[in-house]
Amino acid sequence: MQTAVLDIFVILPLVGSFILQSIAVFLLIRLYKESPEKFRSSVLFKITIAGTGVLVAGSLVSIVVPVLTVLALFLFFASILLLTGIIAAAREKETVPVAETETPEEPPAAQSEEPKEDPLVAIGQSFLEHVTEALTGEINLVRLLDFINQTMIEKTGADGGVVFIADDFDDIIAAKSYSGQFPPPYKLPQDLPHKPVRVETNFRYVQFALGETIFGEVAANGKPILIEDGTKDSRIFANGPEEFLVPGSYIAVPLIVKDRVVGVSGLARLPGKPAFTSDELRTAVILGHYSGAAINNVYCVQEVLERADLEREAGIASQIQKTLHPKRLPDLPEVGFGSFFNATKGVCGDYYDVILARRDRIALVIADVAGKGIQSSMVMMMLRSILHLVTNTTKSAGTILDWVNKGITGKIDMDHYATLSYLSYSPQDHSLEYASAGHQPMLIWRAAQGELETIQQKTDPIGVERSSVYSDFKLTVEKGDIIILFTDGLIESLNKEGRQYGTESLSQVISENNSLTAKELATEIKHNIQAFIGSASLHDDQTLVIMKIKN
């Protein structure tokens, strides 16, 4: 049988197939190099490469040896590889691991459990809740201290506890909360009967200086103390053989916030029971920090509320003060008046007035009430009421001050006394009566002499002693003379360098501007003081009253 020879026209497609098949092999090899992990385990990919390689070889041999049998043989091998690849691909799909589609196994139960919360965290949350309760409505520090004491006793397994609060002004600590059984570790008073109720009462209200007893020692240095056996520690005092007085084990820790001791917690465990351990001391120390923060929060809120009360009170006092001052000063043919008042926030102690109670007399008053707030305003109101009543009489200036003093003394606190100057002027004869109750001196500019005169009386303020005596100072004035009354806040004003304004500066302004009217002179003095003070803050009210004789 003769072998058939391929036609020349078949050679050209074979050459094209060879080229295309070579490109396919090249691309397959390139894909494999780029992602070897992806194709290394794929049987189908490997058979595809092998089959394509057989086709390439068949095309090449058929071109060189153009015999039909050769081409058919290579096609037969390629078909076998193609069928093998299809079967392998089907098996590869069937044997895909089930684990890849299954949901991942649940972690062991031990791993899925959440970590247990530290019990001290829960205690801290409880502290916050009680602080909130202590700040709602009426602030109740005692209730918070009782909670601190009970928590300390419960978490350390103590038989008794006590909480002391530090007093920074007196350098002492005072017991504010007591609970349970607590053999006193300090020396009891000798005259105190050794009865449980009497001893407990003494402990409930006891006070210690800083450094005194283990509690005062902790308050002084801020370091905790653990005493396992009180009978063997020299710091513990044995008060007697009675069972309830026998020392046991003790813990004392500071209630501290930001390195500041605000109190001390003391814990006791009765003798015969296991002594306190270092772990229980650690718990007490941590609770001490919680407690210090809680107490400090209450203190801060109390301070804010007190400040708000003071500001509200100062606002009310300021309004009262404004109503007591004259709305405008009278302008009389005989005399002219000028004044200025510069209030300092929260002080409200200065008062001045012009009283025209009699046709033949003009009364001029200036006062400075000690203290501040509503109480000072109440004293001011009392002074004004009495003065408006008694100036209608024909009594002298000294007698009027005596009446005012007797009407005030004993009805006000010693902290709210008042200095006062009273001036009574008669336009008919140009006579002037002056009396002072511990106030600043009166200045008189003598126009004829061109000089300033100072008149001062050393007497008691109003409201100190009922037996205080006030005398008159009588003089005459002439046209152009100027009478100046002022409070200490004016001459004691400080500039940024800390220098006082002083009487000399005031006298100089008066001397240089004596030709001005009373109102103009008061304004000039006000501007001069403001220029002197600059941006410095005021510490007291500033008040000035001027009366100038016209004719």
Protein backbone atom coordinates (compact mmCIF):
# COMPACT_ATOMS: atom_id res chain seq x y z
CA MET A 1 0.00 0.00 0.00
CA GLN A 2 1.45 3.27 -1.14
CA THR A 3 1.77 6.07 1.41
CA ALA A 4 -0.12 9.22 0.41
CA VAL A 5 1.90 12.37 -0.01
CA LEU A 6 0.54 15.75 1.19
CA ASP A 7 -0.38 18.25 -1.44
CA ILE A 8 1.73 21.35 -1.74
CA PHE A 9 -1.31 23.46 -0.88
CA VAL A 10 -1.61 21.66 2.47
CA ILE A 11 1.92 22.66 3.43
CA LEU A 12 0.98 26.33 3.81
CA PRO A 13 -1.80 25.71 6.42
CA LEU A 14 0.58 23.39 8.26
CA VAL A 15 3.13 26.21 8.45
CA GLY A 16 0.42 28.58 9.77
CA SER A 17 -0.69 25.97 12.33
CA PHE A 18 2.90 25.50 13.44
CA ILE A 19 3.29 29.24 14.03
CA LEU A 20 0.03 29.52 15.96
CA GLN A 21 0.78 26.41 18.01
CA SER A 22 4.25 27.76 18.84
CA ILE A 23 2.69 31.03 20.05
CA ALA A 24 0.25 29.03 22.22
CA VAL A 25 3.11 27.07 23.81
CA PHE A 26 4.99 30.32 24.42
CA LEU A 27 1.96 31.89 26.13
CA LEU A 28 1.35 28.79 28.25
CA ILE A 29 4.97 28.78 29.45
CA ARG A 30 4.77 32.51 30.23
CA LEU A 31 1.59 32.03 32.28
CA TYR A 32 3.28 29.27 34.24
CA LYS A 33 6.29 31.46 35.04
CA GLU A 34 4.12 34.34 36.21
CA SER A 35 1.97 32.20 38.52
CA PRO A 36 3.74 28.92 39.19
CA GLU A 37 1.76 28.27 42.41
CA LYS A 38 -1.50 28.54 40.50
CA PHE A 39 -0.65 26.08 37.66
CA ARG A 40 1.88 23.77 39.32
CA SER A 41 -0.76 21.44 40.75
CA SER A 42 -3.15 21.63 37.74
CA VAL A 43 -3.17 18.38 35.69
CA LEU A 44 -5.26 20.00 32.95
CA PHE A 45 -2.68 22.72 32.46
CA LYS A 46 0.14 20.21 32.19
CA ILE A 47 -1.77 18.05 29.62
CA THR A 48 -2.66 21.19 27.64
CA ILE A 49 1.02 22.05 27.37
CA ALA A 50 1.88 18.46 26.37
CA GLY A 51 -0.92 18.29 23.76
CA THR A 52 0.03 21.62 22.26
CA GLY A 53 3.65 20.47 22.14
CA VAL A 54 2.62 17.29 20.24
CA LEU A 55 0.67 19.40 17.71
CA VAL A 56 3.70 21.67 17.23
CA ALA A 57 5.96 18.65 16.68
CA GLY A 58 3.43 17.07 14.30
CA SER A 59 3.13 20.20 12.22
CA LEU A 60 6.90 20.56 12.03
CA VAL A 61 7.51 16.91 11.01
CA SER A 62 4.68 17.05 8.47
CA ILE A 63 6.28 20.09 6.87
CA VAL A 64 9.65 18.34 6.65
CA VAL A 65 8.22 14.88 5.74
CA PRO A 66 4.96 15.59 3.88
CA VAL A 67 3.42 12.18 4.38
CA LEU A 68 -0.25 11.80 5.45
CA THR A 69 0.56 8.91 7.79
CA VAL A 70 2.91 11.09 9.86
CA LEU A 71 0.32 13.86 10.25
CA ALA A 72 -2.40 11.38 11.19
CA LEU A 73 -0.16 9.74 13.79
CA PHE A 74 0.58 13.07 15.53
CA LEU A 75 -3.11 14.02 15.47
CA PHE A 76 -3.92 10.64 17.08
CA PHE A 77 -1.49 11.29 19.94
CA ALA A 78 -2.82 14.81 20.40
CA SER A 79 -6.40 13.48 20.62
CA ILE A 80 -5.34 10.95 23.28
CA LEU A 81 -3.77 13.77 25.35
CA LEU A 82 -6.87 15.93 24.91
CA LEU A 83 -9.16 13.12 26.12
CA THR A 84 -6.85 12.39 29.04
CA GLY A 85 -6.92 16.08 30.03
CA ILE A 86 -10.73 16.17 29.99
CA ILE A 87 -10.95 13.05 32.20
CA ALA A 88 -8.33 14.47 34.60
CA ALA A 89 -10.15 17.78 34.82
CA ALA A 90 -13.40 16.01 35.70
CA ARG A 91 -11.71 13.99 38.46
CA GLU A 92 -9.97 17.15 39.83
CA LYS A 93 -13.36 18.87 40.21
CA GLU A 94 -14.86 15.85 42.01
CA THR A 95 -11.99 15.61 44.49
CA VAL A 96 -12.11 19.23 45.70
CA PRO A 97 -11.63 19.06 49.50
CA VAL A 98 -14.88 19.47 51.41
CA ALA A 99 -13.04 21.41 54.13
CA GLU A 100 -12.70 24.36 51.79
CA THR A 101 -16.48 24.86 51.64
CA GLU A 102 -17.22 23.97 55.23
CA THR A 103 -17.53 26.61 57.91
CA PRO A 104 -14.49 26.90 60.12
CA GLU A 105 -14.54 24.98 63.33
CA GLU A 106 -15.62 26.81 66.44
CA PRO A 107 -12.79 27.70 68.79
CA PRO A 108 -12.52 25.80 72.02
CA ALA A 109 -14.89 26.90 74.73
CA ALA A 110 -12.03 28.08 76.88
CA GLN A 111 -10.87 30.48 74.14
CA SER A 112 -14.35 31.93 73.52
CA GLU A 113 -14.84 32.96 77.13
CA GLU A 114 -14.36 36.68 77.91
CA PRO A 115 -11.66 37.61 80.41
CA LYS A 116 -12.92 38.04 83.93
CA GLU A 117 -13.28 41.63 85.14
CA ASP A 118 -11.06 42.83 87.99
CA PRO A 119 -13.34 43.23 91.05
CA LEU A 120 -11.62 46.54 91.85
CA VAL A 121 -12.98 47.94 88.57
CA ALA A 122 -16.52 47.20 89.73
CA ILE A 123 -15.71 48.87 93.05
CA GLY A 124 -14.49 51.95 91.18
CA GLN A 125 -17.77 52.10 89.26
CA SER A 126 -19.66 51.83 92.54
CA PHE A 127 -17.63 54.74 93.91
CA LEU A 128 -18.59 56.86 90.92
CA GLU A 129 -22.26 56.05 91.47
CA HIS A 130 -22.08 57.12 95.12
CA VAL A 131 -20.24 60.32 94.19
CA THR A 132 -23.06 61.09 91.79
CA GLU A 133 -25.62 60.42 94.53
CA ALA A 134 -23.66 62.62 96.94
CA LEU A 135 -23.76 65.49 94.43
CA THR A 136 -27.47 65.27 93.62
CA GLY A 137 -29.73 67.48 95.65
CA GLU A 138 -28.11 68.46 98.92
CA ILE A 139 -24.45 67.50 98.94
CA ASN A 140 -23.98 64.79 101.59
CA LEU A 141 -20.34 64.12 102.38
CA VAL A 142 -21.19 62.07 105.49
CA ARG A 143 -23.13 59.53 103.41
CA LEU A 144 -20.19 59.17 101.04
CA LEU A 145 -17.76 58.64 103.94
CA ASP A 146 -20.01 55.95 105.39
CA PHE A 147 -19.99 54.17 102.03
CA ILE A 148 -16.18 54.40 101.87
CA ASN A 149 -15.87 52.96 105.36
CA GLN A 150 -18.25 50.06 104.68
CA THR A 151 -16.53 49.24 101.38
CA MET A 152 -13.13 49.21 103.06
CA ILE A 153 -14.39 46.86 105.78
CA GLU A 154 -16.11 44.53 103.29
CA LYS A 155 -13.28 44.25 100.74
CA THR A 156 -10.53 43.68 103.32
CA GLY A 157 -12.46 41.42 105.69
CA ALA A 158 -12.00 43.82 108.60
CA ASP A 159 -14.04 43.76 111.80
CA GLY A 160 -14.18 47.54 112.10
CA GLY A 161 -13.26 50.70 110.27
CA VAL A 162 -12.91 54.44 110.74
CA VAL A 163 -12.50 57.31 108.27
CA PHE A 164 -10.72 60.54 109.19
CA ILE A 165 -10.90 63.79 107.22
CA ALA A 166 -7.89 66.12 107.13
CA ASP A 167 -8.20 69.77 108.14
CA ASP A 168 -5.49 71.67 106.27
CA PHE A 169 -5.91 74.84 108.32
CA ASP A 170 -5.50 73.31 111.77
CA ASP A 171 -3.20 70.42 110.71
CA ILE A 172 -5.44 67.82 112.31
CA ILE A 173 -7.52 64.83 111.24
CA ALA A 174 -11.00 64.24 112.67
CA ALA A 175 -13.04 61.02 112.72
CA LYS A 176 -16.14 61.33 110.52
CA SER A 177 -17.30 57.73 110.04
CA TYR A 178 -17.04 54.74 112.40
CA SER A 179 -18.40 51.21 112.10
CA GLY A 180 -17.91 47.74 113.59
CA GLN A 181 -15.54 46.61 116.33
CA PHE A 182 -12.30 48.56 116.52
CA PRO A 183 -9.95 48.23 119.52
CA PRO A 184 -8.55 51.78 119.81
CA PRO A 185 -4.81 51.80 118.99
CA TYR A 186 -4.32 55.15 120.77
CA LYS A 187 -4.20 56.04 124.45
CA LEU A 188 -7.65 56.66 125.87
CA PRO A 189 -8.24 59.55 128.31
CA GLN A 190 -7.54 58.51 131.89
CA ASP A 191 -10.95 59.58 133.12
CA LEU A 192 -12.81 57.64 130.41
CA PRO A 193 -14.63 54.57 131.79
CA HIS A 194 -13.66 51.34 130.04
CA LYS A 195 -17.14 50.66 128.75
CA PRO A 196 -17.73 49.66 125.10
CA VAL A 197 -20.26 52.43 124.49
CA ARG A 198 -18.08 55.14 126.07
CA VAL A 199 -14.96 54.00 124.23
CA GLU A 200 -16.81 53.84 120.91
CA THR A 201 -18.22 57.34 121.45
CA ASN A 202 -14.73 58.65 122.14
CA PHE A 203 -13.44 57.01 118.94
CA ARG A 204 -16.30 58.42 116.84
CA TYR A 205 -15.34 62.02 117.62
CA VAL A 206 -11.59 61.75 118.22
CA GLN A 207 -9.10 64.16 116.62
CA PHE A 208 -5.36 63.77 116.14
CA ALA A 209 -2.60 66.15 115.15
CA LEU A 210 -0.54 65.26 112.10
CA GLY A 211 2.09 62.72 113.12
CA GLU A 212 0.14 61.65 116.21
CA THR A 213 -0.82 57.93 116.39
CA ILE A 214 -0.67 55.68 113.33
CA PHE A 215 -3.52 57.66 111.76
CA GLY A 216 -1.75 60.99 112.11
CA GLU A 217 1.47 59.41 110.86
CA VAL A 218 -0.23 58.27 107.65
CA ALA A 219 -1.83 61.71 107.22
CA ALA A 220 1.57 63.38 107.62
CA ASN A 221 3.65 61.27 105.22
CA GLY A 222 1.01 59.72 102.95
CA LYS A 223 2.40 56.18 103.38
CA PRO A 224 0.23 53.16 104.33
CA ILE A 225 0.86 51.13 107.47
CA LEU A 226 0.31 47.38 108.02
CA ILE A 227 0.53 46.04 111.58
CA GLU A 228 0.04 42.29 111.79
CA ASP A 229 0.10 42.07 115.59
CA GLY A 230 -0.76 45.18 117.59
CA THR A 231 0.46 43.66 120.85
CA LYS A 232 4.02 43.55 119.48
CA ASP A 233 4.13 47.00 117.86
CA SER A 234 5.34 49.98 119.92
CA ARG A 235 3.06 52.35 118.00
CA ILE A 236 -0.04 50.63 119.39
CA PHE A 237 -1.13 51.49 122.92
CA ALA A 238 -2.65 48.73 125.07
CA ASN A 239 -5.45 50.39 127.02
CA GLY A 240 -6.36 47.50 129.30
CA PRO A 241 -7.00 43.81 129.77
CA GLU A 242 -10.65 44.06 128.69
CA GLU A 243 -11.38 41.85 125.69
CA PHE A 244 -12.73 44.68 123.53
CA LEU A 245 -9.57 46.74 124.19
CA VAL A 246 -6.98 44.07 123.28
CA PRO A 247 -5.15 45.19 120.10
CA GLY A 248 -5.41 43.03 116.99
CA SER A 249 -4.19 43.60 113.43
CA TYR A 250 -4.38 47.07 111.87
CA ILE A 251 -4.23 48.78 108.48
CA ALA A 252 -4.06 52.55 107.97
CA VAL A 253 -4.02 53.97 104.44
CA PRO A 254 -4.16 57.53 103.10
CA LEU A 255 -7.15 58.76 101.12
CA ILE A 256 -5.10 60.54 98.54
CA VAL A 257 -5.58 62.48 95.31
CA LYS A 258 -2.75 64.04 93.28
CA ASP A 259 -0.25 63.52 96.13
CA ARG A 260 -2.56 65.37 98.54
CA VAL A 261 -3.90 63.51 101.58
CA VAL A 262 -7.55 64.39 102.13
CA GLY A 263 -8.17 61.75 104.78
CA VAL A 264 -7.14 58.45 106.38
CA SER A 265 -8.89 55.08 106.52
CA GLY A 266 -8.24 52.84 109.49
CA LEU A 267 -9.14 49.12 109.58
CA ALA A 268 -8.98 46.63 112.44
CA ARG A 269 -9.19 42.85 112.76
CA LEU A 270 -9.82 41.41 116.21
CA PRO A 271 -7.18 39.31 118.00
CA GLY A 272 -7.51 35.57 117.46
CA LYS A 273 -8.30 36.03 113.77
CA PRO A 274 -5.76 35.85 110.91
CA ALA A 275 -3.73 39.01 110.59
CA PHE A 276 -4.08 41.35 107.63
CA THR A 277 -1.95 40.37 104.62
CA SER A 278 -0.03 42.39 102.05
CA ASP A 279 -2.74 41.62 99.47
CA GLU A 280 -5.39 43.14 101.74
CA LEU A 281 -3.12 46.14 102.28
CA ARG A 282 -2.85 46.53 98.49
CA THR A 283 -6.63 46.42 98.18
CA ALA A 284 -7.00 49.07 100.88
CA VAL A 285 -4.40 51.31 99.18
CA ILE A 286 -6.22 51.12 95.84
CA LEU A 287 -9.54 51.83 97.54
CA GLY A 288 -7.84 54.75 99.27
CA HIS A 289 -7.07 56.30 95.87
CA TYR A 290 -10.68 55.77 94.77
CA SER A 291 -11.89 57.34 98.02
CA GLY A 292 -9.54 60.33 97.77
CA ALA A 293 -10.77 61.09 94.25
CA ALA A 294 -14.41 60.76 95.34
CA ILE A 295 -13.96 63.09 98.33
CA ASN A 296 -12.05 65.61 96.22
CA ASN A 297 -14.87 65.66 93.66
CA VAL A 298 -17.35 66.54 96.40
CA TYR A 299 -15.01 69.26 97.70
CA CYS A 300 -14.67 70.75 94.19
CA VAL A 301 -18.42 70.89 93.68
CA GLN A 302 -18.91 72.45 97.13
CA GLU A 303 -16.31 75.09 96.28
CA VAL A 304 -18.01 75.90 92.98
CA LEU A 305 -21.40 76.22 94.68
CA GLU A 306 -19.98 78.40 97.45
CA ARG A 307 -18.32 80.63 94.88
CA ALA A 308 -21.59 80.88 92.99
CA ASP A 309 -23.40 81.79 96.24
CA LEU A 310 -20.82 84.48 96.98
CA GLU A 311 -21.12 85.94 93.50
CA ARG A 312 -24.91 85.93 93.72
CA GLU A 313 -24.74 87.53 97.17
CA ALA A 314 -22.26 90.12 95.91
CA GLY A 315 -24.62 90.95 93.05
CA ILE A 316 -27.50 91.49 95.45
CA ALA A 317 -25.30 93.58 97.77
CA SER A 318 -24.15 95.69 94.84
CA GLN A 319 -27.75 96.43 93.87
CA ILE A 320 -28.56 97.41 97.47
CA GLN A 321 -25.51 99.66 97.58
CA LYS A 322 -26.54 101.44 94.39
CA THR A 323 -30.01 102.15 95.79
CA LEU A 324 -28.50 103.67 98.96
CA HIS A 325 -26.24 106.10 97.09
CA PRO A 326 -27.83 109.39 95.99
CA LYS A 327 -29.10 109.30 92.41
CA ARG A 328 -27.73 112.82 91.82
CA LEU A 329 -26.08 115.38 94.06
CA PRO A 330 -27.90 118.65 94.69
CA ASP A 331 -26.69 121.91 93.13
CA LEU A 332 -27.23 124.64 95.70
CA PRO A 333 -26.56 128.38 95.50
CA GLU A 334 -24.30 128.21 98.53
CA VAL A 335 -22.26 125.08 97.74
CA GLY A 336 -21.50 122.75 94.89
CA PHE A 337 -20.95 119.00 95.12
CA GLY A 338 -18.91 116.48 93.17
CA SER A 339 -18.29 112.79 93.69
CA PHE A 340 -17.22 109.54 92.13
CA PHE A 341 -17.65 105.96 93.24
CA ASN A 342 -15.71 103.06 91.75
CA ALA A 343 -17.00 99.70 93.00
CA THR A 344 -14.90 96.57 93.31
CA LYS A 345 -16.66 93.29 92.56
CA GLY A 346 -17.64 91.43 95.73
CA VAL A 347 -16.74 94.25 98.19
CA CYS A 348 -19.68 96.70 98.39
CA GLY A 349 -18.59 98.48 101.58
CA ASP A 350 -18.58 102.22 100.76
CA TYR A 351 -21.48 104.60 101.40
CA TYR A 352 -21.83 108.35 100.90
CA ASP A 353 -24.75 110.76 101.06
CA VAL A 354 -25.80 114.41 101.11
CA ILE A 355 -28.66 114.96 103.56
CA LEU A 356 -30.76 118.13 103.42
CA ALA A 357 -32.88 117.41 106.49
CA ARG A 358 -32.87 121.01 107.80
CA ARG A 359 -33.11 124.32 105.96
CA ASP A 360 -30.20 125.81 107.85
CA ARG A 361 -27.93 122.76 107.69
CA ILE A 362 -26.32 120.61 105.01
CA ALA A 363 -25.03 117.21 106.14
CA LEU A 364 -22.33 115.34 104.25
CA VAL A 365 -21.62 111.69 105.14
CA ILE A 366 -19.10 109.11 103.99
CA ALA A 367 -18.62 105.61 105.48
CA ASP A 368 -16.68 102.41 104.86
CA VAL A 369 -18.25 99.20 106.22
CA ALA A 370 -15.84 96.36 106.99
CA GLY A 371 -16.56 92.98 105.44
CA LYS A 372 -18.50 92.40 102.25
CA GLY A 373 -21.65 90.98 100.82
CA ILE A 374 -25.23 91.28 102.01
CA GLN A 375 -24.27 91.69 105.68
CA SER A 376 -22.24 94.80 104.83
CA SER A 377 -25.18 96.14 102.86
CA MET A 378 -27.47 95.55 105.84
CA VAL A 379 -25.11 97.55 108.09
CA MET A 380 -25.05 100.27 105.44
CA MET A 381 -28.87 100.39 105.42
CA MET A 382 -28.93 100.69 109.22
CA LEU A 383 -26.43 103.56 109.12
CA ARG A 384 -28.40 105.41 106.45
CA SER A 385 -31.71 104.97 108.29
CA ILE A 386 -30.35 106.28 111.60
CA LEU A 387 -28.50 109.19 109.97
CA HIS A 388 -31.58 110.36 108.03
CA LEU A 389 -33.50 110.25 111.30
CA VAL A 390 -31.07 112.06 113.65
CA THR A 391 -29.74 114.74 111.29
CA ASN A 392 -33.11 116.47 111.57
CA THR A 393 -32.23 117.44 115.14
CA THR A 394 -30.19 120.40 116.36
CA LYS A 395 -27.59 118.16 118.02
CA SER A 396 -23.90 118.53 117.24
CA ALA A 397 -21.94 116.28 114.88
CA GLY A 398 -20.29 114.45 117.80
CA THR A 399 -23.63 113.74 119.45
CA ILE A 400 -25.08 112.44 116.20
CA LEU A 401 -22.20 109.98 115.83
CA ASP A 402 -22.73 108.90 119.43
CA TRP A 403 -26.38 108.13 118.69
CA VAL A 404 -25.44 106.22 115.55
CA ASN A 405 -22.88 104.16 117.45
CA LYS A 406 -25.30 103.23 120.22
CA GLY A 407 -27.92 102.27 117.64
CA ILE A 408 -25.51 99.97 115.78
CA THR A 409 -23.33 98.41 118.50
CA GLY A 410 -24.54 94.99 119.61
CA LYS A 411 -26.77 94.55 116.58
CA ILE A 412 -24.00 93.64 114.14
CA ASP A 413 -21.04 91.27 114.17
CA MET A 414 -17.65 92.63 115.15
CA ASP A 415 -16.49 91.78 111.63
CA HIS A 416 -18.88 94.37 110.20
CA TYR A 417 -17.95 97.60 112.00
CA ALA A 418 -17.88 100.87 110.03
CA THR A 419 -15.65 103.91 109.83
CA LEU A 420 -17.58 107.13 109.23
CA SER A 421 -17.10 110.88 108.77
CA TYR A 422 -19.96 113.30 109.39
CA LEU A 423 -19.92 116.93 108.31
CA SER A 424 -22.57 119.56 109.09
CA TYR A 425 -22.37 122.95 107.30
CA SER A 426 -24.37 126.15 108.00
CA PRO A 427 -24.46 128.45 104.92
CA GLN A 428 -25.64 131.40 107.06
CA ASP A 429 -22.49 131.82 109.13
CA HIS A 430 -20.16 129.55 107.11
CA SER A 431 -19.62 127.39 110.21
CA LEU A 432 -18.73 123.76 109.90
CA GLU A 433 -18.91 120.92 112.43
CA TYR A 434 -16.93 117.75 111.81
CA ALA A 435 -16.80 114.42 113.64
CA SER A 436 -15.06 111.20 112.66
CA ALA A 437 -15.43 107.58 113.78
CA GLY A 438 -12.07 106.11 112.85
CA HIS A 439 -12.31 107.34 109.25
CA GLN A 440 -9.74 108.85 106.86
CA PRO A 441 -8.81 112.51 107.49
CA MET A 442 -10.78 115.38 105.99
CA LEU A 443 -8.90 117.64 103.58
CA ILE A 444 -9.71 121.37 103.23
CA TRP A 445 -8.29 123.55 100.49
CA ARG A 446 -7.97 127.06 101.87
CA ALA A 447 -8.39 129.35 98.88
CA ALA A 448 -7.17 132.48 100.67
CA GLN A 449 -3.94 130.86 101.88
CA GLY A 450 -3.50 128.63 98.79
CA GLU A 451 -2.74 125.60 100.91
CA LEU A 452 -4.26 122.26 101.91
CA GLU A 453 -5.24 121.56 105.52
CA THR A 454 -5.63 118.08 107.03
CA ILE A 455 -8.03 117.41 109.91
CA GLN A 456 -8.02 114.00 111.60
CA GLN A 457 -9.56 112.56 114.75
CA LYS A 458 -8.40 109.30 116.36
CA THR A 459 -11.58 107.61 117.51
CA ASP A 460 -13.25 104.19 117.50
CA PRO A 461 -15.21 102.95 114.47
CA ILE A 462 -18.98 102.63 114.69
CA GLY A 463 -20.18 99.34 116.17
CA VAL A 464 -17.14 98.43 118.29
CA GLU A 465 -17.91 99.84 121.76
CA ARG A 466 -21.11 101.48 123.07
CA SER A 467 -19.00 103.63 125.40
CA SER A 468 -16.97 105.22 122.59
CA VAL A 469 -16.88 109.03 122.73
CA TYR A 470 -17.03 111.29 119.67
CA SER A 471 -16.17 114.98 119.81
CA ASP A 472 -16.86 117.93 117.49
CA PHE A 473 -14.30 119.81 115.48
CA LYS A 474 -15.63 123.29 114.62
CA LEU A 475 -14.22 125.68 112.04
CA THR A 476 -15.30 128.29 109.51
CA VAL A 477 -14.85 128.28 105.76
CA GLU A 478 -14.80 130.94 103.08
CA LYS A 479 -15.69 131.30 99.44
CA GLY A 480 -13.54 129.06 97.25
CA ASP A 481 -12.68 126.66 100.06
CA ILE A 482 -12.98 122.96 99.16
CA ILE A 483 -13.84 120.11 101.57
CA ILE A 484 -12.75 116.63 100.48
CA LEU A 485 -13.87 113.32 102.04
CA PHE A 486 -12.69 109.93 100.78
CA THR A 487 -12.34 106.25 101.73
CA ASP A 488 -9.12 104.30 102.18
CA GLY A 489 -9.67 102.40 98.92
CA LEU A 490 -8.86 105.59 97.02
CA ILE A 491 -5.49 106.50 98.54
CA GLU A 492 -4.45 102.83 98.94
CA SER A 493 -4.92 102.04 95.24
CA LEU A 494 -1.88 100.25 93.79
CA ASN A 495 -0.33 100.50 90.35
CA LYS A 496 1.43 97.63 88.51
CA GLU A 497 4.68 98.37 90.39
CA GLY A 498 2.90 97.99 93.76
CA ARG A 499 3.15 101.69 94.67
CA GLN A 500 0.24 103.37 96.50
CA TYR A 501 -1.55 106.41 95.14
CA GLY A 502 -1.37 108.06 98.57
CA THR A 503 -2.61 111.31 100.10
CA GLU A 504 0.23 113.28 98.54
CA SER A 505 -0.90 112.49 94.99
CA LEU A 506 -4.47 113.41 95.88
CA SER A 507 -3.33 116.69 97.47
CA GLN A 508 -1.30 117.60 94.40
CA VAL A 509 -4.28 117.15 92.05
CA ILE A 510 -6.44 119.31 94.34
CA SER A 511 -3.80 122.06 94.54
CA GLU A 512 -3.29 122.16 90.77
CA ASN A 513 -7.02 122.17 89.94
CA ASN A 514 -8.59 124.18 92.79
CA SER A 515 -10.19 126.63 90.36
CA LEU A 516 -12.48 123.93 88.93
CA THR A 517 -16.01 123.33 90.12
CA ALA A 518 -16.60 120.54 92.62
CA LYS A 519 -17.94 118.24 89.90
CA GLU A 520 -15.05 119.01 87.53
CA LEU A 521 -12.48 118.49 90.29
CA ALA A 522 -13.97 115.08 91.19
CA THR A 523 -13.75 114.06 87.54
CA GLU A 524 -10.12 115.24 87.31
CA ILE A 525 -9.18 113.22 90.41
CA LYS A 526 -10.94 110.16 88.99
CA HIS A 527 -8.98 110.38 85.72
CA ASN A 528 -5.72 110.91 87.58
CA ILE A 529 -6.26 107.79 89.71
CA GLN A 530 -7.22 105.71 86.67
CA ALA A 531 -4.05 106.81 84.87
CA PHE A 532 -1.99 105.92 87.95
CA ILE A 533 -3.53 102.44 88.39
CA GLY A 534 -3.42 101.49 84.72
CA SER A 535 -4.21 97.82 84.17
CA ALA A 536 -3.71 96.86 87.84
CA SER A 537 -6.72 95.30 89.58
CA LEU A 538 -8.71 96.98 92.34
CA HIS A 539 -8.93 95.48 95.82
CA ASP A 540 -11.35 97.91 97.49
CA ASP A 541 -14.11 100.37 96.65
CA GLN A 542 -12.99 103.91 95.79
CA THR A 543 -15.21 106.78 96.96
CA LEU A 544 -14.69 110.55 96.90
CA VAL A 545 -17.08 113.38 97.89
CA ILE A 546 -16.25 117.08 97.37
CA MET A 547 -18.09 120.16 98.63
CA LYS A 548 -16.96 123.60 97.37
CA ILE A 549 -18.12 126.84 98.96
CA LYS A 550 -19.61 129.16 96.36
CA ASN A 551 -20.46 132.25 98.45
